[in-house]
Amino acid sequence: MDKKELAAKAVELLKKEYPDALCSLTYTKPHELLFATRLAAQCTDARVNIVAPVLYEKYPTIEALAEADEQDISDIIRSCGFYKTKAHDISLASKMLVNEYGGIVPDTVEELIKLPGIGRKTANLVVGDIYGKPAVVCDTHCIRITNLLGFTTTKDPAKCEIQLREILDPKESNNFCHRLVLHGRAVCIARRPQCDKCVLKEICEHAQNTKE
């Protein structure tokens, strides 16, 4: 099988293993997912799901966040790590969303990455989960597992995204990435992948090359 066929097989295997391909960050509005993903950098999703609701309860709209005192944002998100930088990004991005986008979160990667602190990973997540467009979210799980599978040959997120877009069905790509996160946490764990338990072992380069 070529890479497209192998990718299609991986999609189906993961779909059976993880029927619910849901983002692990909780949100109700587009900007909540945008900023929750920013908070999740170097922080667990579980911690973000505790902290973000506190922030959004006090500042429920983009306009409210744009007017919020940056120090207050810092104090609320302190336990997420790198809180000063994240607070600064959230404050500036909120102001930019209000002033340049009418308070609406953009629906393209190209526009989203213009926002302070927003990279392609976050932009793809928003485009895929909020707007239902084809997206490839190249987080650490995605990069690591697709490298092991032999689907990608780079640890650079942007290059990994390009390689995956060439072989994945666009309709499946977003959910495929969500399922890789679930798989990376449950089975294909960093530094100790459990290949014997893996549903992808028959199509995985790493698993095949490490057979006894």
Protein backbone atom coordinates (compact mmCIF):
# COMPACT_ATOMS: atom_id res chain seq x y z
CA MET A 1 0.00 0.00 0.00
CA ASP A 2 1.15 3.56 -0.68
CA LYS A 3 1.01 6.30 1.95
CA LYS A 4 -2.50 7.45 1.02
CA GLU A 5 -3.82 3.91 1.37
CA LEU A 6 -1.99 3.42 4.65
CA ALA A 7 -3.33 6.73 5.94
CA ALA A 8 -6.88 5.73 5.00
CA LYS A 9 -6.38 2.44 6.85
CA ALA A 10 -5.08 4.30 9.92
CA VAL A 11 -8.12 6.59 9.83
CA GLU A 12 -10.48 3.61 9.88
CA LEU A 13 -8.59 1.73 12.61
CA LEU A 14 -8.50 4.76 14.89
CA LYS A 15 -12.15 5.52 14.16
CA LYS A 16 -13.12 2.09 15.48
CA GLU A 17 -10.84 2.43 18.51
CA TYR A 18 -11.90 5.98 19.40
CA PRO A 19 -15.42 6.62 18.04
CA ASP A 20 -15.70 10.00 19.74
CA ALA A 21 -13.05 12.24 18.23
CA LEU A 22 -13.52 15.21 20.51
CA CYS A 23 -11.23 18.03 21.50
CA SER A 24 -10.24 17.62 25.14
CA LEU A 25 -10.54 21.36 25.79
CA THR A 26 -13.96 22.55 26.91
CA TYR A 27 -15.51 25.66 25.36
CA THR A 28 -18.83 27.18 24.30
CA LYS A 29 -17.71 30.05 22.08
CA PRO A 30 -15.09 30.30 19.30
CA HIS A 31 -12.82 32.66 21.22
CA GLU A 32 -12.90 30.34 24.23
CA LEU A 33 -11.35 27.53 22.19
CA LEU A 34 -8.87 29.96 20.65
CA PHE A 35 -7.56 31.16 23.99
CA ALA A 36 -7.89 27.81 25.78
CA THR A 37 -5.53 26.37 23.17
CA ARG A 38 -3.11 29.23 23.81
CA LEU A 39 -3.28 28.49 27.54
CA ALA A 40 -2.63 24.80 26.88
CA ALA A 41 0.92 25.45 25.63
CA GLN A 42 3.26 23.78 28.15
CA CYS A 43 0.21 23.01 30.30
CA THR A 44 -2.23 20.13 30.61
CA ASP A 45 -5.69 20.34 29.07
CA ALA A 46 -7.11 19.29 32.45
CA ARG A 47 -5.57 22.34 34.12
CA VAL A 48 -6.78 24.63 31.34
CA ASN A 49 -10.31 23.25 31.73
CA ILE A 50 -10.20 24.35 35.38
CA VAL A 51 -8.69 27.80 34.79
CA ALA A 52 -10.31 28.94 31.53
CA PRO A 53 -13.91 28.87 32.82
CA VAL A 54 -12.89 31.23 35.63
CA LEU A 55 -11.45 33.65 33.08
CA TYR A 56 -14.49 33.43 30.82
CA GLU A 57 -16.94 33.84 33.69
CA LYS A 58 -15.34 37.15 34.61
CA TYR A 59 -14.76 38.21 30.99
CA PRO A 60 -17.48 36.46 28.94
CA THR A 61 -16.90 38.21 25.60
CA ILE A 62 -14.02 39.18 23.37
CA GLU A 63 -14.87 42.81 24.05
CA ALA A 64 -14.64 42.23 27.81
CA LEU A 65 -11.26 40.54 27.45
CA ALA A 66 -10.04 43.40 25.27
CA GLU A 67 -10.86 45.85 28.04
CA ALA A 68 -9.60 43.65 30.88
CA ASP A 69 -6.55 44.58 32.92
CA GLU A 70 -3.68 42.41 31.70
CA GLN A 71 -2.45 41.87 35.25
CA ASP A 72 -5.85 40.52 36.24
CA ILE A 73 -5.75 38.06 33.35
CA SER A 74 -2.27 37.03 34.53
CA ASP A 75 -3.51 36.43 38.05
CA ILE A 76 -6.39 34.26 36.87
CA ILE A 77 -4.28 32.07 34.55
CA ARG A 78 -1.17 31.96 36.76
CA SER A 79 -1.31 28.17 37.30
CA CYS A 80 -1.16 27.52 33.52
CA GLY A 81 2.52 28.46 33.33
CA PHE A 82 4.14 31.22 31.26
CA TYR A 83 1.15 33.21 32.43
CA LYS A 84 2.58 36.68 31.76
CA THR A 85 3.27 35.92 28.10
CA LYS A 86 -0.07 34.18 27.67
CA ALA A 87 -1.95 37.03 29.34
CA HIS A 88 -0.19 39.53 27.09
CA ASP A 89 -1.11 37.51 23.99
CA ILE A 90 -4.75 37.11 25.06
CA SER A 91 -5.03 40.83 25.77
CA LEU A 92 -3.47 41.89 22.46
CA ALA A 93 -5.35 39.26 20.43
CA SER A 94 -8.66 40.30 21.98
CA LYS A 95 -8.02 43.93 21.09
CA MET A 96 -7.07 42.93 17.54
CA LEU A 97 -10.20 40.79 17.18
CA VAL A 98 -12.35 43.73 18.26
CA ASN A 99 -10.57 46.40 16.23
CA GLU A 100 -9.82 44.49 13.03
CA TYR A 101 -12.33 41.63 12.91
CA GLY A 102 -15.44 43.12 14.50
CA GLY A 103 -15.22 40.76 17.45
CA ILE A 104 -15.46 37.70 15.20
CA VAL A 105 -12.87 34.91 15.30
CA PRO A 106 -11.57 34.47 11.71
CA ASP A 107 -12.30 31.23 9.87
CA THR A 108 -9.01 30.79 8.02
CA VAL A 109 -5.57 29.73 9.18
CA GLU A 110 -4.03 32.64 7.30
CA GLU A 111 -6.00 35.23 9.27
CA LEU A 112 -5.80 33.45 12.61
CA ILE A 113 -2.01 33.29 12.64
CA LYS A 114 -1.92 37.08 12.41
CA LEU A 115 -3.18 37.16 16.01
CA PRO A 116 -0.53 37.46 18.75
CA GLY A 117 0.47 34.08 20.15
CA ILE A 118 -1.53 32.07 17.64
CA GLY A 119 0.37 29.53 15.55
CA ARG A 120 -0.73 27.05 12.91
CA LYS A 121 -1.62 24.35 15.43
CA THR A 122 -4.12 26.55 17.23
CA ALA A 123 -5.37 28.05 13.98
CA ASN A 124 -6.01 24.62 12.47
CA LEU A 125 -7.85 23.50 15.60
CA VAL A 126 -10.18 26.50 15.45
CA VAL A 127 -10.75 26.17 11.70
CA GLY A 128 -11.54 22.48 12.05
CA ASP A 129 -13.56 22.38 15.26
CA ILE A 130 -15.38 25.70 15.02
CA TYR A 131 -15.87 26.11 11.30
CA GLY A 132 -15.82 22.48 10.14
CA LYS A 133 -13.16 23.04 7.51
CA PRO A 134 -10.42 20.52 6.66
CA ALA A 135 -7.64 20.95 9.20
CA VAL A 136 -4.45 19.23 10.29
CA VAL A 137 -3.53 19.93 13.91
CA CYS A 138 0.15 19.06 14.25
CA ASP A 139 0.67 18.88 17.97
CA THR A 140 3.36 16.77 19.63
CA HIS A 141 1.24 13.60 19.53
CA CYS A 142 0.47 14.00 15.84
CA ILE A 143 4.08 14.67 14.88
CA ARG A 144 5.51 11.86 16.98
CA ILE A 145 3.00 9.18 15.96
CA THR A 146 2.94 10.01 12.25
CA ASN A 147 6.74 9.89 12.27
CA LEU A 148 6.60 6.43 13.86
CA LEU A 149 4.00 5.31 11.36
CA GLY A 150 6.20 6.50 8.50
CA PHE A 151 3.59 8.96 7.25
CA THR A 152 5.82 11.97 7.94
CA THR A 153 9.57 12.49 8.04
CA THR A 154 9.93 15.73 9.98
CA LYS A 155 9.44 17.12 13.46
CA ASP A 156 8.74 20.59 12.09
CA PRO A 157 5.00 21.26 12.59
CA ALA A 158 4.52 23.23 9.37
CA LYS A 159 6.32 20.64 7.25
CA CYS A 160 4.47 17.82 9.01
CA GLU A 161 1.18 19.52 8.21
CA ILE A 162 2.10 19.75 4.52
CA GLN A 163 3.08 16.07 4.36
CA LEU A 164 -0.14 14.97 6.06
CA ARG A 165 -2.34 17.13 3.84
CA GLU A 166 -0.88 15.25 0.86
CA ILE A 167 -2.05 11.84 2.11
CA LEU A 168 -5.10 12.41 4.33
CA ASP A 169 -8.70 12.62 3.19
CA PRO A 170 -9.59 16.27 4.01
CA LYS A 171 -12.94 15.18 5.45
CA GLU A 172 -11.15 12.94 7.95
CA SER A 173 -8.05 14.94 8.78
CA ASN A 174 -9.34 16.94 11.74
CA ASN A 175 -10.82 13.96 13.58
CA PHE A 176 -7.76 11.88 12.72
CA CYS A 177 -5.61 14.38 14.59
CA HIS A 178 -7.94 14.34 17.61
CA ARG A 179 -7.76 10.55 17.68
CA LEU A 180 -3.97 10.65 17.54
CA VAL A 181 -4.01 12.68 20.75
CA LEU A 182 -6.21 10.07 22.43
CA HIS A 183 -4.01 7.28 21.09
CA GLY A 184 -0.83 9.05 22.17
CA ARG A 185 -2.11 9.35 25.73
CA ALA A 186 -3.48 5.81 25.98
CA VAL A 187 -1.17 3.57 23.93
CA CYS A 188 1.52 5.21 21.81
CA ILE A 189 3.06 6.96 24.79
CA ALA A 190 6.17 9.07 24.31
CA ARG A 191 9.39 7.11 24.93
CA ARG A 192 7.47 3.92 25.69
CA PRO A 193 4.98 3.10 22.94
CA GLN A 194 2.97 -0.03 23.71
CA CYS A 195 3.22 -1.57 20.26
CA ASP A 196 1.77 -4.91 21.38
CA LYS A 197 -1.51 -3.16 22.28
CA CYS A 198 -1.60 -0.85 19.27
CA VAL A 199 -4.34 -1.10 16.64
CA LEU A 200 -1.93 0.45 14.13
CA LYS A 201 0.94 -2.02 14.63
CA GLU A 202 0.41 -3.83 11.31
CA ILE A 203 0.80 -0.63 9.31
CA CYS A 204 3.37 1.10 11.53
CA GLU A 205 6.99 1.31 10.39
CA HIS A 206 8.25 1.56 13.95
CA ALA A 207 6.26 -1.45 15.16
CA GLN A 208 7.34 -3.55 12.20
CA ASN A 209 10.99 -2.58 12.58
CA THR A 210 11.07 -3.41 16.30
CA LYS A 211 9.49 -6.85 16.05
CA GLU A 212 11.49 -9.48 17.82
